[in-house]
């Protein structure tokens, strides 16, 4: 068994929020942790800095398969970079690209999978990637979906929202902690405590209260407004948008809701995301 715990999610599903909570819980400070210092406790397996030493040419000149072939070495280097458990952010689905595994399971000890209603994901994702809503719906429904290599990150292989979520939540061994974004909003103490227990962190109610408060959406949004956020997309004016559930009901057209349900019915049903009118 390895020492990597994957912090996995489809983009715009709450990965950053969960990392901010854990950053505050681990730091256990009277003041909120700097969201631009998440790298103190978490690695990002797609960060270009891990890949540049392995190649002679510009990463952006490499095709997706070549990038994926570098991932095993990168992940081994990440695992070796720290003693003990290291939590590593990933947006790749749990599988292979052209027969090349996207995650080295030999150095993996577990995973945290954050799942969010795709009806809300599509709104944040459209803003993040500079798409209109219909383009974002198509993006989320394709198993060929991925992101390109840029100055900061190498290409990711996302697959569709359904394929991605199913891949990270199928484990029945107890090695994966599955968190619904909506549960974290509705009952933060219950579900963030589930996360700290999964990771074997100290059980401390006051520490939990403080970490939840320090990582509240309003605090994160204010921090970004004052200091910026390194993970903000150049396509968007801000990373932290609204942080609410059911935003879709105010924005999506009925035909758009139906398209998403048609594309993702099985997994949406499993996580109780299908609106009554579309059942």
C-alpha atoms as a PDB file:
ATOM      1  CA  UNK A   1       0.000   0.000   0.000  1.00  0.00           C
ATOM      2  CA  UNK A   2       1.212   3.462  -0.876  1.00  0.00           C
ATOM      3  CA  UNK A   3       0.928   6.827   0.834  1.00  0.00           C
ATOM      4  CA  UNK A   4      -1.187   8.842  -1.632  1.00  0.00           C
ATOM      5  CA  UNK A   5      -4.782   9.734  -0.754  1.00  0.00           C
ATOM      6  CA  UNK A   6      -6.436  11.113  -3.872  1.00  0.00           C
ATOM      7  CA  UNK A   7      -8.582  14.247  -3.548  1.00  0.00           C
ATOM      8  CA  UNK A   8     -10.810  13.477  -6.533  1.00  0.00           C
ATOM      9  CA  UNK A   9     -13.701  15.349  -8.095  1.00  0.00           C
ATOM     10  CA  UNK A  10     -15.140  16.462 -11.381  1.00  0.00           C
ATOM     11  CA  UNK A  11     -14.184  20.142 -11.870  1.00  0.00           C
ATOM     12  CA  UNK A  12     -16.265  22.682  -9.925  1.00  0.00           C
ATOM     13  CA  UNK A  13     -17.641  20.111  -7.495  1.00  0.00           C
ATOM     14  CA  UNK A  14     -16.136  21.298  -4.207  1.00  0.00           C
ATOM     15  CA  UNK A  15     -12.568  19.967  -4.279  1.00  0.00           C
ATOM     16  CA  UNK A  16     -11.132  23.353  -3.314  1.00  0.00           C
ATOM     17  CA  UNK A  17     -13.631  23.822  -0.492  1.00  0.00           C
ATOM     18  CA  UNK A  18     -12.766  20.439   1.007  1.00  0.00           C
ATOM     19  CA  UNK A  19      -9.057  21.141   0.720  1.00  0.00           C
ATOM     20  CA  UNK A  20      -9.562  24.533   2.387  1.00  0.00           C
ATOM     21  CA  UNK A  21     -11.410  22.852   5.252  1.00  0.00           C
ATOM     22  CA  UNK A  22      -8.639  20.278   5.730  1.00  0.00           C
ATOM     23  CA  UNK A  23      -5.967  22.962   5.475  1.00  0.00           C
ATOM     24  CA  UNK A  24      -7.651  24.823   8.328  1.00  0.00           C
ATOM     25  CA  UNK A  25      -8.260  21.656  10.359  1.00  0.00           C
ATOM     26  CA  UNK A  26      -4.655  20.523  10.079  1.00  0.00           C
ATOM     27  CA  UNK A  27      -3.226  24.012  10.731  1.00  0.00           C
ATOM     28  CA  UNK A  28      -5.564  24.433  13.729  1.00  0.00           C
ATOM     29  CA  UNK A  29      -5.004  28.180  13.861  1.00  0.00           C
ATOM     30  CA  UNK A  30      -7.054  30.983  15.376  1.00  0.00           C
ATOM     31  CA  UNK A  31      -6.982  32.719  11.984  1.00  0.00           C
ATOM     32  CA  UNK A  32      -8.076  31.314   8.603  1.00  0.00           C
ATOM     33  CA  UNK A  33      -5.436  29.659   6.454  1.00  0.00           C
ATOM     34  CA  UNK A  34      -4.331  31.419   3.262  1.00  0.00           C
ATOM     35  CA  UNK A  35      -6.124  29.711   0.343  1.00  0.00           C
ATOM     36  CA  UNK A  36      -3.095  30.458  -1.826  1.00  0.00           C
ATOM     37  CA  UNK A  37      -1.044  28.138   0.390  1.00  0.00           C
ATOM     38  CA  UNK A  38      -3.065  24.968  -0.172  1.00  0.00           C
ATOM     39  CA  UNK A  39       0.071  23.484  -1.692  1.00  0.00           C
ATOM     40  CA  UNK A  40       1.572  23.356   1.810  1.00  0.00           C
ATOM     41  CA  UNK A  41      -0.552  20.291   2.564  1.00  0.00           C
ATOM     42  CA  UNK A  42      -1.758  19.083  -0.832  1.00  0.00           C
ATOM     43  CA  UNK A  43      -0.070  18.224  -4.099  1.00  0.00           C
ATOM     44  CA  UNK A  44      -1.646  18.601  -7.543  1.00  0.00           C
ATOM     45  CA  UNK A  45      -0.785  15.697  -9.830  1.00  0.00           C
ATOM     46  CA  UNK A  46      -1.420  17.846 -12.923  1.00  0.00           C
ATOM     47  CA  UNK A  47       0.841  20.720 -11.882  1.00  0.00           C
ATOM     48  CA  UNK A  48       3.250  21.328 -14.729  1.00  0.00           C
ATOM     49  CA  UNK A  49       6.214  21.740 -12.378  1.00  0.00           C
ATOM     50  CA  UNK A  50       6.222  17.972 -11.751  1.00  0.00           C
ATOM     51  CA  UNK A  51       6.451  17.209 -15.478  1.00  0.00           C
ATOM     52  CA  UNK A  52       8.929  19.783 -16.775  1.00  0.00           C
ATOM     53  CA  UNK A  53      12.038  18.025 -15.359  1.00  0.00           C
ATOM     54  CA  UNK A  54      11.052  14.820 -17.181  1.00  0.00           C
ATOM     55  CA  UNK A  55      11.048  16.214 -20.734  1.00  0.00           C
ATOM     56  CA  UNK A  56      13.364  18.236 -22.945  1.00  0.00           C
ATOM     57  CA  UNK A  57      10.720  20.042 -24.964  1.00  0.00           C
ATOM     58  CA  UNK A  58       7.780  22.300 -24.185  1.00  0.00           C
ATOM     59  CA  UNK A  59       5.006  20.405 -22.411  1.00  0.00           C
ATOM     60  CA  UNK A  60       2.413  22.092 -24.603  1.00  0.00           C
ATOM     61  CA  UNK A  61       3.948  20.362 -27.625  1.00  0.00           C
ATOM     62  CA  UNK A  62       3.230  16.913 -26.159  1.00  0.00           C
ATOM     63  CA  UNK A  63       0.044  15.032 -26.992  1.00  0.00           C
ATOM     64  CA  UNK A  64      -2.310  13.789 -24.299  1.00  0.00           C
ATOM     65  CA  UNK A  65      -1.094  10.184 -24.393  1.00  0.00           C
ATOM     66  CA  UNK A  66       2.523  11.244 -23.908  1.00  0.00           C
ATOM     67  CA  UNK A  67       1.482  13.361 -20.921  1.00  0.00           C
ATOM     68  CA  UNK A  68      -0.393  10.378 -19.481  1.00  0.00           C
ATOM     69  CA  UNK A  69       2.667   8.162 -19.920  1.00  0.00           C
ATOM     70  CA  UNK A  70       4.588  10.570 -17.670  1.00  0.00           C
ATOM     71  CA  UNK A  71       1.997  10.394 -14.908  1.00  0.00           C
ATOM     72  CA  UNK A  72       3.275   7.220 -13.218  1.00  0.00           C
ATOM     73  CA  UNK A  73       6.754   8.732 -12.729  1.00  0.00           C
ATOM     74  CA  UNK A  74       5.276  12.042 -11.572  1.00  0.00           C
ATOM     75  CA  UNK A  75       3.037  10.298  -9.062  1.00  0.00           C
ATOM     76  CA  UNK A  76       5.946   8.215  -7.773  1.00  0.00           C
ATOM     77  CA  UNK A  77       7.917  11.435  -7.287  1.00  0.00           C
ATOM     78  CA  UNK A  78       4.996  13.008  -5.439  1.00  0.00           C
ATOM     79  CA  UNK A  79       4.686   9.961  -3.173  1.00  0.00           C
ATOM     80  CA  UNK A  80       8.415  10.116  -2.422  1.00  0.00           C
ATOM     81  CA  UNK A  81       8.373  13.852  -1.738  1.00  0.00           C
ATOM     82  CA  UNK A  82       6.938  13.506   1.771  1.00  0.00           C
ATOM     83  CA  UNK A  83       7.051  10.980   4.558  1.00  0.00           C
ATOM     84  CA  UNK A  84       3.697   9.541   5.524  1.00  0.00           C
ATOM     85  CA  UNK A  85       0.370  10.303   3.906  1.00  0.00           C
ATOM     86  CA  UNK A  86       0.186  12.910   1.151  1.00  0.00           C
ATOM     87  CA  UNK A  87      -3.133  14.138  -0.237  1.00  0.00           C
ATOM     88  CA  UNK A  88      -3.084  14.715  -3.985  1.00  0.00           C
ATOM     89  CA  UNK A  89      -5.678  16.634  -5.994  1.00  0.00           C
ATOM     90  CA  UNK A  90      -6.858  15.037  -9.224  1.00  0.00           C
ATOM     91  CA  UNK A  91      -9.587  15.785 -11.748  1.00  0.00           C
ATOM     92  CA  UNK A  92      -8.797  12.732 -13.869  1.00  0.00           C
ATOM     93  CA  UNK A  93     -11.355   9.952 -13.868  1.00  0.00           C
ATOM     94  CA  UNK A  94     -10.228   6.674 -12.300  1.00  0.00           C
ATOM     95  CA  UNK A  95      -9.311   4.651 -15.347  1.00  0.00           C
ATOM     96  CA  UNK A  96      -6.979   4.627 -18.349  1.00  0.00           C
ATOM     97  CA  UNK A  97      -6.429   6.756 -21.420  1.00  0.00           C
ATOM     98  CA  UNK A  98      -5.504   4.699 -24.490  1.00  0.00           C
ATOM     99  CA  UNK A  99      -4.523   1.855 -22.141  1.00  0.00           C
ATOM    100  CA  UNK A 100      -2.319   4.133 -20.004  1.00  0.00           C
ATOM    101  CA  UNK A 101      -3.493   4.175 -16.337  1.00  0.00           C
ATOM    102  CA  UNK A 102      -4.141   7.678 -15.029  1.00  0.00           C
ATOM    103  CA  UNK A 103      -3.360   6.809 -11.397  1.00  0.00           C
ATOM    104  CA  UNK A 104      -0.696   4.516  -9.950  1.00  0.00           C
ATOM    105  CA  UNK A 105      -2.659   2.346  -7.551  1.00  0.00           C
ATOM    106  CA  UNK A 106       0.510   0.720  -6.180  1.00  0.00           C
ATOM    107  CA  UNK A 107       1.291   3.961  -4.333  1.00  0.00           C
ATOM    108  CA  UNK A 108      -2.330   4.679  -3.382  1.00  0.00           C
ATOM    109  CA  UNK A 109      -3.773   4.178   0.103  1.00  0.00           C
ATOM    110  CA  UNK A 110      -7.233   5.651  -0.436  1.00  0.00           C
ATOM    111  CA  UNK A 111      -9.336   8.391  -1.951  1.00  0.00           C
ATOM    112  CA  UNK A 112     -11.756  11.186  -1.125  1.00  0.00           C
ATOM    113  CA  UNK A 113     -14.415  11.687  -3.791  1.00  0.00           C
ATOM    114  CA  UNK A 114     -16.473  14.899  -3.776  1.00  0.00           C
ATOM    115  CA  UNK A 115     -19.718  14.701  -5.767  1.00  0.00           C
ATOM    116  CA  UNK A 116     -21.996  17.613  -6.704  1.00  0.00           C
ATOM    117  CA  UNK A 117     -25.327  17.817  -8.531  1.00  0.00           C
ATOM    118  CA  UNK A 118     -24.487  18.160 -12.246  1.00  0.00           C
ATOM    119  CA  UNK A 119     -27.357  20.627 -12.634  1.00  0.00           C
ATOM    120  CA  UNK A 120     -25.300  23.029 -10.511  1.00  0.00           C
ATOM    121  CA  UNK A 121     -21.892  21.863 -11.732  1.00  0.00           C
ATOM    122  CA  UNK A 122     -22.785  22.869 -15.281  1.00  0.00           C
ATOM    123  CA  UNK A 123     -23.241  26.526 -14.280  1.00  0.00           C
ATOM    124  CA  UNK A 124     -19.912  26.790 -12.472  1.00  0.00           C
ATOM    125  CA  UNK A 125     -18.140  24.784 -15.141  1.00  0.00           C
ATOM    126  CA  UNK A 126     -19.442  27.042 -17.927  1.00  0.00           C
ATOM    127  CA  UNK A 127     -18.124  30.092 -16.083  1.00  0.00           C
ATOM    128  CA  UNK A 128     -14.784  28.421 -15.325  1.00  0.00           C
ATOM    129  CA  UNK A 129     -14.072  27.250 -18.878  1.00  0.00           C
ATOM    130  CA  UNK A 130     -15.636  30.162 -20.733  1.00  0.00           C
ATOM    131  CA  UNK A 131     -18.475  28.116 -22.251  1.00  0.00           C
ATOM    132  CA  UNK A 132     -22.154  28.820 -22.690  1.00  0.00           C
ATOM    133  CA  UNK A 133     -24.559  26.515 -20.880  1.00  0.00           C
ATOM    134  CA  UNK A 134     -25.324  24.317 -23.877  1.00  0.00           C
ATOM    135  CA  UNK A 135     -21.626  23.857 -24.575  1.00  0.00           C
ATOM    136  CA  UNK A 136     -21.055  22.944 -20.923  1.00  0.00           C
ATOM    137  CA  UNK A 137     -23.857  20.357 -21.054  1.00  0.00           C
ATOM    138  CA  UNK A 138     -22.214  18.779 -24.102  1.00  0.00           C
ATOM    139  CA  UNK A 139     -18.817  18.920 -22.371  1.00  0.00           C
ATOM    140  CA  UNK A 140     -20.165  17.061 -19.340  1.00  0.00           C
ATOM    141  CA  UNK A 141     -21.850  14.403 -21.457  1.00  0.00           C
ATOM    142  CA  UNK A 142     -18.820  13.327 -23.490  1.00  0.00           C
ATOM    143  CA  UNK A 143     -16.379  10.597 -22.500  1.00  0.00           C
ATOM    144  CA  UNK A 144     -13.777  12.352 -24.667  1.00  0.00           C
ATOM    145  CA  UNK A 145     -13.772  15.385 -22.402  1.00  0.00           C
ATOM    146  CA  UNK A 146     -10.497  16.693 -21.053  1.00  0.00           C
ATOM    147  CA  UNK A 147      -8.560  19.873 -20.464  1.00  0.00           C
ATOM    148  CA  UNK A 148      -5.496  21.014 -22.431  1.00  0.00           C
ATOM    149  CA  UNK A 149      -1.961  21.551 -21.236  1.00  0.00           C
ATOM    150  CA  UNK A 150      -1.223  25.169 -20.363  1.00  0.00           C
ATOM    151  CA  UNK A 151       1.501  27.073 -18.526  1.00  0.00           C
ATOM    152  CA  UNK A 152       0.373  25.798 -15.123  1.00  0.00           C
ATOM    153  CA  UNK A 153      -1.159  22.356 -15.618  1.00  0.00           C
ATOM    154  CA  UNK A 154      -0.841  19.388 -17.943  1.00  0.00           C
ATOM    155  CA  UNK A 155      -3.805  17.865 -19.735  1.00  0.00           C
ATOM    156  CA  UNK A 156      -6.441  16.110 -17.631  1.00  0.00           C
ATOM    157  CA  UNK A 157      -8.708  13.300 -18.796  1.00  0.00           C
ATOM    158  CA  UNK A 158     -12.105  13.947 -17.236  1.00  0.00           C
ATOM    159  CA  UNK A 159     -14.536  11.753 -19.229  1.00  0.00           C
ATOM    160  CA  UNK A 160     -18.234  12.517 -18.749  1.00  0.00           C
ATOM    161  CA  UNK A 161     -19.636  13.552 -15.394  1.00  0.00           C
ATOM    162  CA  UNK A 162     -21.298  10.126 -15.011  1.00  0.00           C
ATOM    163  CA  UNK A 163     -18.193   8.138 -15.958  1.00  0.00           C
ATOM    164  CA  UNK A 164     -16.047  10.264 -13.669  1.00  0.00           C
ATOM    165  CA  UNK A 165     -18.327   9.976 -10.636  1.00  0.00           C
ATOM    166  CA  UNK A 166     -18.957   6.248 -11.126  1.00  0.00           C
ATOM    167  CA  UNK A 167     -15.235   5.548 -11.424  1.00  0.00           C
ATOM    168  CA  UNK A 168     -14.395   7.200  -8.089  1.00  0.00           C
ATOM    169  CA  UNK A 169     -17.409   5.983  -6.104  1.00  0.00           C
ATOM    170  CA  UNK A 170     -17.629   2.307  -7.098  1.00  0.00           C
ATOM    171  CA  UNK A 171     -15.189   1.163  -4.405  1.00  0.00           C
ATOM    172  CA  UNK A 172     -16.852  -0.896  -1.678  1.00  0.00           C
ATOM    173  CA  UNK A 173     -13.744  -1.688   0.390  1.00  0.00           C
ATOM    174  CA  UNK A 174     -13.916   1.370   2.643  1.00  0.00           C
ATOM    175  CA  UNK A 175     -10.814   2.902   1.051  1.00  0.00           C
ATOM    176  CA  UNK A 176     -12.855   5.755  -0.466  1.00  0.00           C
ATOM    177  CA  UNK A 177     -14.684   8.483   1.451  1.00  0.00           C
ATOM    178  CA  UNK A 178     -17.554   9.767  -0.713  1.00  0.00           C
ATOM    179  CA  UNK A 179     -18.885  13.231   0.136  1.00  0.00           C
ATOM    180  CA  UNK A 180     -21.872  14.953  -1.443  1.00  0.00           C
ATOM    181  CA  UNK A 181     -21.372  18.697  -1.787  1.00  0.00           C
ATOM    182  CA  UNK A 182     -24.979  19.233  -0.719  1.00  0.00           C
ATOM    183  CA  UNK A 183     -24.504  17.246   2.496  1.00  0.00           C
ATOM    184  CA  UNK A 184     -21.488  19.373   3.374  1.00  0.00           C
ATOM    185  CA  UNK A 185     -23.703  22.453   2.970  1.00  0.00           C
ATOM    186  CA  UNK A 186     -26.684  21.070   4.897  1.00  0.00           C
ATOM    187  CA  UNK A 187     -24.906  19.218   7.707  1.00  0.00           C
ATOM    188  CA  UNK A 188     -21.289  20.373   7.726  1.00  0.00           C
ATOM    189  CA  UNK A 189     -20.428  19.082  11.182  1.00  0.00           C
ATOM    190  CA  UNK A 190     -21.666  15.575  10.435  1.00  0.00           C
ATOM    191  CA  UNK A 191     -20.018  15.204   7.048  1.00  0.00           C
ATOM    192  CA  UNK A 192     -16.767  17.058   7.628  1.00  0.00           C
ATOM    193  CA  UNK A 193     -16.389  14.950  10.793  1.00  0.00           C
ATOM    194  CA  UNK A 194     -16.836  11.872   8.590  1.00  0.00           C
ATOM    195  CA  UNK A 195     -13.898  13.125   6.540  1.00  0.00           C
ATOM    196  CA  UNK A 196     -11.605  13.787   9.506  1.00  0.00           C
ATOM    197  CA  UNK A 197     -12.417  10.342  10.910  1.00  0.00           C
ATOM    198  CA  UNK A 198     -11.640   8.737   7.549  1.00  0.00           C
ATOM    199  CA  UNK A 199      -8.216  10.408   7.554  1.00  0.00           C
ATOM    200  CA  UNK A 200      -7.522   9.487  11.177  1.00  0.00           C
ATOM    201  CA  UNK A 201      -7.226  13.112  12.277  1.00  0.00           C
ATOM    202  CA  UNK A 202      -7.771  14.032  15.939  1.00  0.00           C
ATOM    203  CA  UNK A 203     -11.394  14.124  17.075  1.00  0.00           C
ATOM    204  CA  UNK A 204     -11.813  17.667  18.387  1.00  0.00           C
ATOM    205  CA  UNK A 205     -15.248  19.370  18.194  1.00  0.00           C
ATOM    206  CA  UNK A 206     -13.835  22.870  18.774  1.00  0.00           C
ATOM    207  CA  UNK A 207     -11.237  22.343  16.081  1.00  0.00           C
ATOM    208  CA  UNK A 208     -13.983  21.128  13.748  1.00  0.00           C
ATOM    209  CA  UNK A 209     -16.120  24.203  14.463  1.00  0.00           C
ATOM    210  CA  UNK A 210     -13.217  26.529  13.772  1.00  0.00           C
ATOM    211  CA  UNK A 211     -12.162  24.799  10.536  1.00  0.00           C
ATOM    212  CA  UNK A 212     -15.742  24.877   9.211  1.00  0.00           C
ATOM    213  CA  UNK A 213     -16.010  28.575  10.020  1.00  0.00           C
ATOM    214  CA  UNK A 214     -12.594  29.419   8.551  1.00  0.00           C
ATOM    215  CA  UNK A 215     -13.461  27.613   5.297  1.00  0.00           C
ATOM    216  CA  UNK A 216     -16.997  28.976   4.931  1.00  0.00           C
ATOM    217  CA  UNK A 217     -17.878  30.190   1.459  1.00  0.00           C
ATOM    218  CA  UNK A 218     -18.118  33.802   2.605  1.00  0.00           C
ATOM    219  CA  UNK A 219     -14.607  33.621   4.096  1.00  0.00           C
ATOM    220  CA  UNK A 220     -13.155  32.016   0.974  1.00  0.00           C
ATOM    221  CA  UNK A 221     -14.875  34.515  -1.299  1.00  0.00           C
ATOM    222  CA  UNK A 222     -13.693  37.474   0.785  1.00  0.00           C
ATOM    223  CA  UNK A 223     -10.160  36.112   0.802  1.00  0.00           C
ATOM    224  CA  UNK A 224     -10.169  35.855  -2.992  1.00  0.00           C
ATOM    225  CA  UNK A 225     -11.532  39.396  -3.329  1.00  0.00           C
ATOM    226  CA  UNK A 226      -8.770  40.751  -1.114  1.00  0.00           C
ATOM    227  CA  UNK A 227      -5.794  38.619  -2.174  1.00  0.00           C
ATOM    228  CA  UNK A 228      -6.762  36.816  -5.365  1.00  0.00           C
ATOM    229  CA  UNK A 229      -6.617  33.065  -5.839  1.00  0.00           C
ATOM    230  CA  UNK A 230      -3.972  31.234  -7.854  1.00  0.00           C
ATOM    231  CA  UNK A 231      -6.455  28.597  -9.064  1.00  0.00           C
ATOM    232  CA  UNK A 232      -8.843  31.093 -10.678  1.00  0.00           C
ATOM    233  CA  UNK A 233      -9.405  30.437 -14.358  1.00  0.00           C
ATOM    234  CA  UNK A 234      -8.417  33.238 -16.795  1.00  0.00           C
ATOM    235  CA  UNK A 235     -11.896  32.746 -18.304  1.00  0.00           C
ATOM    236  CA  UNK A 236     -13.612  33.846 -15.102  1.00  0.00           C
ATOM    237  CA  UNK A 237     -13.593  36.989 -13.000  1.00  0.00           C
ATOM    238  CA  UNK A 238     -13.678  34.930  -9.776  1.00  0.00           C
ATOM    239  CA  UNK A 239     -13.250  31.354  -8.586  1.00  0.00           C
ATOM    240  CA  UNK A 240     -15.764  31.366  -5.729  1.00  0.00           C
ATOM    241  CA  UNK A 241     -19.108  32.224  -7.342  1.00  0.00           C
ATOM    242  CA  UNK A 242     -22.161  31.464  -5.185  1.00  0.00           C
ATOM    243  CA  UNK A 243     -21.512  28.303  -3.171  1.00  0.00           C
ATOM    244  CA  UNK A 244     -25.206  27.382  -3.039  1.00  0.00           C
ATOM    245  CA  UNK A 245     -27.150  24.318  -4.090  1.00  0.00           C
ATOM    246  CA  UNK A 246     -30.100  24.323  -6.513  1.00  0.00           C
ATOM    247  CA  UNK A 247     -28.858  27.381  -8.413  1.00  0.00           C
ATOM    248  CA  UNK A 248     -29.925  25.542 -11.541  1.00  0.00           C
ATOM    249  CA  UNK A 249     -33.625  26.092 -10.741  1.00  0.00           C
ATOM    250  CA  UNK A 250     -33.135  29.847 -11.281  1.00  0.00           C
ATOM    251  CA  UNK A 251     -31.075  29.567 -14.456  1.00  0.00           C
ATOM    252  CA  UNK A 252     -31.481  26.396 -16.530  1.00  0.00           C
ATOM    253  CA  UNK A 253     -34.198  26.034 -19.146  1.00  0.00           C
ATOM    254  CA  UNK A 254     -36.438  22.937 -18.766  1.00  0.00           C
ATOM    255  CA  UNK A 255     -34.936  21.478 -21.954  1.00  0.00           C
ATOM    256  CA  UNK A 256     -31.433  21.901 -20.522  1.00  0.00           C
ATOM    257  CA  UNK A 257     -32.432  20.168 -17.297  1.00  0.00           C
ATOM    258  CA  UNK A 258     -33.864  17.289 -19.314  1.00  0.00           C
ATOM    259  CA  UNK A 259     -30.705  16.957 -21.404  1.00  0.00           C
ATOM    260  CA  UNK A 260     -28.590  16.617 -18.280  1.00  0.00           C
ATOM    261  CA  UNK A 261     -30.984  14.100 -16.742  1.00  0.00           C
ATOM    262  CA  UNK A 262     -31.036  12.094 -19.974  1.00  0.00           C
ATOM    263  CA  UNK A 263     -27.245  12.065 -20.099  1.00  0.00           C
ATOM    264  CA  UNK A 264     -26.706  11.160 -16.439  1.00  0.00           C
ATOM    265  CA  UNK A 265     -29.915   9.557 -15.184  1.00  0.00           C
ATOM    266  CA  UNK A 266     -28.377   6.470 -13.583  1.00  0.00           C
ATOM    267  CA  UNK A 267     -25.765   8.267 -11.500  1.00  0.00           C
ATOM    268  CA  UNK A 268     -28.043  11.222 -10.743  1.00  0.00           C
ATOM    269  CA  UNK A 269     -30.647   8.791  -9.432  1.00  0.00           C
ATOM    270  CA  UNK A 270     -28.064   7.078  -7.253  1.00  0.00           C
ATOM    271  CA  UNK A 271     -27.178  10.403  -5.585  1.00  0.00           C
ATOM    272  CA  UNK A 272     -30.778  11.686  -5.461  1.00  0.00           C
ATOM    273  CA  UNK A 273     -30.190  14.531  -7.916  1.00  0.00           C
ATOM    274  CA  UNK A 274     -33.095  14.066 -10.317  1.00  0.00           C
ATOM    275  CA  UNK A 275     -35.790  16.753  -9.901  1.00  0.00           C
ATOM    276  CA  UNK A 276     -39.312  15.356  -9.265  1.00  0.00           C
ATOM    277  CA  UNK A 277     -40.563  16.696 -12.615  1.00  0.00           C
ATOM    278  CA  UNK A 278     -37.930  14.655 -14.487  1.00  0.00           C
ATOM    279  CA  UNK A 279     -38.324  11.311 -12.756  1.00  0.00           C
END
